[in-house]
Protein backbone atom coordinates (compact mmCIF):
# COMPACT_ATOMS: atom_id res chain seq x y z
CA UNK A 1 44.70 -49.51 -70.44
CA UNK A 2 46.98 -52.01 -68.90
CA UNK A 3 46.16 -53.48 -65.63
CA UNK A 4 48.21 -52.11 -62.52
CA UNK A 5 49.08 -55.73 -61.89
CA UNK A 6 50.79 -56.43 -65.00
CA UNK A 7 54.45 -57.14 -63.61
CA UNK A 8 56.34 -53.81 -62.67
CA UNK A 9 58.65 -55.02 -59.77
CA UNK A 10 60.87 -57.95 -60.95
CA UNK A 11 62.39 -58.75 -57.22
CA UNK A 12 64.62 -61.82 -56.54
CA UNK A 13 63.97 -64.11 -53.75
CA UNK A 14 59.92 -62.93 -53.68
CA UNK A 15 56.72 -64.70 -54.03
CA UNK A 16 54.56 -63.56 -57.00
CA UNK A 17 50.64 -64.50 -57.71
CA UNK A 18 50.20 -64.83 -61.50
CA UNK A 19 47.04 -64.98 -63.24
CA UNK A 20 46.37 -65.28 -67.12
CA UNK A 21 43.28 -66.19 -68.81
CA UNK A 22 42.05 -67.10 -72.48
CA UNK A 23 41.65 -64.27 -75.27
CA UNK A 24 38.21 -62.88 -74.84
CA UNK A 25 37.68 -65.37 -71.89
CA UNK A 26 37.53 -68.46 -74.37
CA UNK A 27 38.65 -71.75 -73.08
CA UNK A 28 42.09 -72.57 -72.89
CA UNK A 29 41.69 -76.03 -71.67
CA UNK A 30 39.07 -77.81 -73.42
CA UNK A 31 39.34 -81.12 -72.01
CA UNK A 32 41.60 -83.63 -69.91
CA UNK A 33 44.23 -83.73 -72.49
CA UNK A 34 44.96 -79.94 -72.46
CA UNK A 35 44.71 -79.79 -68.66
CA UNK A 36 47.43 -82.66 -68.63
CA UNK A 37 49.41 -81.18 -71.24
CA UNK A 38 50.24 -77.88 -68.82
CA UNK A 39 50.80 -80.33 -66.22
CA UNK A 40 53.54 -81.95 -68.39
CA UNK A 41 54.93 -78.29 -69.24
CA UNK A 42 55.36 -77.66 -65.51
CA UNK A 43 57.60 -80.62 -64.98
CA UNK A 44 59.48 -79.87 -68.16
CA UNK A 45 60.49 -76.46 -67.10
CA UNK A 46 60.88 -77.32 -63.16
CA UNK A 47 62.06 -80.86 -62.45
CA UNK A 48 65.39 -81.14 -61.35
CA UNK A 49 66.75 -83.08 -64.82
CA UNK A 50 66.69 -80.97 -67.99
CA UNK A 51 64.22 -82.31 -70.45
CA UNK A 52 65.09 -82.43 -74.30
CA UNK A 53 63.11 -82.32 -77.54
CA UNK A 54 63.27 -84.90 -80.17
CA UNK A 55 66.13 -83.34 -81.78
CA UNK A 56 68.06 -83.80 -78.35
CA UNK A 57 68.02 -79.91 -77.61
CA UNK A 58 67.38 -79.23 -73.85
CA UNK A 59 64.45 -77.13 -73.01
CA UNK A 60 64.95 -74.11 -70.51
CA UNK A 61 65.25 -75.37 -67.23
CA UNK A 62 64.11 -73.05 -64.08
CA UNK A 63 64.33 -75.61 -61.13
CA UNK A 64 66.89 -73.37 -59.46
CA UNK A 65 65.83 -70.50 -60.49
CA UNK A 66 62.12 -70.24 -59.39
CA UNK A 67 59.65 -72.62 -57.38
CA UNK A 68 55.85 -73.51 -58.34
CA UNK A 69 53.88 -73.24 -54.89
CA UNK A 70 50.34 -73.45 -55.98
CA UNK A 71 48.45 -73.70 -58.73
CA UNK A 72 44.89 -73.88 -60.14
CA UNK A 73 43.98 -74.55 -63.83
CA UNK A 74 40.42 -73.75 -64.89
CA UNK A 75 38.76 -73.88 -68.21
CA UNK A 76 39.53 -70.28 -69.30
CA UNK A 77 42.18 -69.29 -66.55
CA UNK A 78 44.72 -70.24 -64.52
CA UNK A 79 46.36 -69.03 -61.11
CA UNK A 80 49.99 -69.66 -60.14
CA UNK A 81 51.93 -68.65 -56.73
CA UNK A 82 55.79 -68.96 -57.41
CA UNK A 83 58.92 -68.20 -55.64
CA UNK A 84 61.25 -66.06 -57.88
CA UNK A 85 64.72 -66.80 -56.79
CA UNK A 86 66.63 -65.21 -59.58
CA UNK A 87 65.69 -61.84 -61.28
CA UNK A 88 63.87 -62.22 -64.36
CA UNK A 89 63.43 -66.00 -64.08
CA UNK A 90 59.43 -65.68 -63.75
CA UNK A 91 59.15 -63.75 -66.92
CA UNK A 92 61.51 -66.48 -68.70
CA UNK A 93 59.59 -69.29 -67.22
CA UNK A 94 56.15 -67.53 -68.04
CA UNK A 95 57.35 -67.12 -71.65
CA UNK A 96 58.59 -70.56 -71.88
CA UNK A 97 55.14 -71.87 -70.22
CA UNK A 98 52.82 -69.89 -72.57
CA UNK A 99 54.59 -70.19 -75.61
CA UNK A 100 54.93 -73.91 -75.45
CA UNK A 101 51.24 -74.35 -74.25
CA UNK A 102 50.25 -72.02 -77.12
CA UNK A 103 52.18 -73.98 -79.85
CA UNK A 104 50.59 -76.98 -78.50
CA UNK A 105 46.85 -75.82 -78.26
CA UNK A 106 47.23 -74.17 -81.78
CA UNK A 107 48.44 -77.19 -83.45
CA UNK A 108 45.87 -79.67 -81.76
CA UNK A 109 42.72 -77.35 -82.78
CA UNK A 110 44.29 -75.96 -85.90
CA UNK A 111 43.81 -72.50 -85.12
CA UNK A 112 45.83 -69.30 -85.37
CA UNK A 113 45.99 -66.09 -83.14
CA UNK A 114 46.73 -65.28 -79.70
CA UNK A 115 45.35 -67.86 -77.08
CA UNK A 116 45.91 -65.61 -74.14
CA UNK A 117 44.53 -62.10 -73.30
CA UNK A 118 47.61 -59.53 -73.39
CA UNK A 119 50.22 -60.69 -71.45
CA UNK A 120 49.91 -62.72 -67.81
CA UNK A 121 49.43 -60.58 -64.73
CA UNK A 122 51.77 -60.90 -61.54
CA UNK A 123 51.53 -59.24 -58.45
CA UNK A 124 54.04 -58.97 -55.75
CA UNK A 125 53.11 -60.62 -52.52
CA UNK A 126 54.44 -58.09 -49.96
CA UNK A 127 54.38 -60.23 -46.86
CA UNK A 128 55.12 -63.80 -46.39
CA UNK A 129 52.40 -64.24 -43.89
CA UNK A 130 49.83 -64.08 -46.81
CA UNK A 131 51.41 -66.79 -48.72
CA UNK A 132 48.94 -69.55 -47.21
CA UNK A 133 45.92 -67.56 -47.71
CA UNK A 134 46.89 -66.74 -51.33
CA UNK A 135 47.51 -70.46 -51.72
CA UNK A 136 43.67 -70.81 -50.27
CA UNK A 137 42.23 -67.91 -52.65
CA UNK A 138 43.70 -69.91 -55.56
CA UNK A 139 42.80 -73.57 -54.51
CA UNK A 140 39.04 -72.29 -54.09
CA UNK A 141 38.75 -71.08 -57.43
CA UNK A 142 36.76 -73.89 -58.42
CA UNK A 143 33.09 -74.26 -56.67
CA UNK A 144 33.78 -78.12 -55.96
CA UNK A 145 37.35 -77.23 -54.86
CA UNK A 146 37.48 -80.44 -52.51
CA UNK A 147 37.32 -82.77 -55.47
CA UNK A 148 38.98 -80.60 -58.22
CA UNK A 149 41.59 -82.36 -60.47
CA UNK A 150 43.52 -79.76 -61.63
CA UNK A 151 44.93 -77.92 -58.70
CA UNK A 152 47.73 -78.38 -56.21
CA UNK A 153 45.22 -78.96 -53.36
CA UNK A 154 46.27 -82.67 -52.95
CA UNK A 155 49.73 -81.75 -52.71
CA UNK A 156 48.91 -79.43 -49.76
CA UNK A 157 46.57 -82.29 -48.33
CA UNK A 158 49.98 -84.58 -48.71
CA UNK A 159 48.27 -87.20 -50.93
CA UNK A 160 50.82 -86.68 -53.84
CA UNK A 161 54.50 -85.27 -54.14
CA UNK A 162 56.43 -84.32 -57.17
CA UNK A 163 59.75 -82.56 -57.41
CA UNK A 164 58.36 -79.47 -59.61
CA UNK A 165 55.95 -78.19 -56.99
CA UNK A 166 57.07 -77.05 -53.39
CA UNK A 167 53.79 -76.37 -51.53
CA UNK A 168 54.24 -73.55 -49.00
CA UNK A 169 52.80 -73.61 -45.40
CA UNK A 170 53.52 -70.32 -43.29
CA UNK A 171 52.19 -71.64 -40.21
CA UNK A 172 54.39 -72.91 -37.19
CA UNK A 173 54.19 -76.48 -38.13
CA UNK A 174 52.79 -78.26 -41.03
CA UNK A 175 49.15 -78.66 -41.02
CA UNK A 176 47.65 -82.01 -41.23
CA UNK A 177 45.36 -82.83 -44.23
CA UNK A 178 42.26 -82.64 -41.78
CA UNK A 179 43.61 -79.14 -40.46
CA UNK A 180 44.28 -77.91 -43.95
CA UNK A 181 40.46 -78.83 -45.21
CA UNK A 182 39.27 -76.92 -42.07
CA UNK A 183 41.43 -73.66 -43.08
CA UNK A 184 39.93 -74.07 -46.51
CA UNK A 185 36.39 -74.22 -45.33
CA UNK A 186 36.82 -71.00 -42.92
CA UNK A 187 34.84 -68.56 -45.34
CA UNK A 188 34.59 -66.10 -42.62
CA UNK A 189 38.27 -65.75 -42.44
CA UNK A 190 38.70 -66.25 -46.04
CA UNK A 191 36.55 -63.21 -46.70
CA UNK A 192 38.14 -60.96 -44.41
CA UNK A 193 41.66 -61.97 -45.77
CA UNK A 194 40.40 -60.92 -49.27
CA UNK A 195 39.68 -57.41 -48.28
CA UNK A 196 43.44 -57.38 -46.88
CA UNK A 197 44.67 -59.51 -50.15
CA UNK A 198 43.17 -57.43 -52.99
CA UNK A 199 46.22 -55.56 -53.71
CA UNK A 200 48.25 -58.70 -53.56
CA UNK A 201 46.13 -60.69 -56.08
CA UNK A 202 46.95 -60.41 -59.64
CA UNK A 203 43.28 -60.48 -60.92
CA UNK A 204 42.15 -58.09 -57.70
CA UNK A 205 39.93 -61.17 -56.69
CA UNK A 206 37.18 -60.15 -59.22
CA UNK A 207 38.37 -61.33 -62.70
């Protein structure tokens, strides 16, 4: 039976939590090169300047249509928080992203067949006040979240910047790095928010 969180509402100017994982929960990122390839695809599709392939043909560009606000890439799954500006942009972006990565992965590992489990799941965030908590949920996926390489946490800690990601803070002022780490480490508040957010999360906080 399809998940209730497979995209049903395609709404412009809205935030979504997106979740996808490997077929049969198999690894979709086997080593650092695989993780880096997904980051390169983020840059390919979400940077201001269009990127061209070897034949000089431009890849699709979603810079003005969609923003990536948070992400975490795990060995067998990934979480994204995106802001869809134009209706249909998320569907098109995810098609480009997952097709591009599948082609790379199957070629590298000389494999065939679907890489991902069904299609991605996407859940509309109903209230902008939840955004910071959804981002925290995404960043807390790895057990060693403070030092994990392949999440957007360093962007929220103001350690690095890139034009293809736009971190979102819903507090009245931008949190300092120290304040954001304390926010991340507040396990009591996080657990309380999970009970509220379970219908906002594409993986229902338990995949």
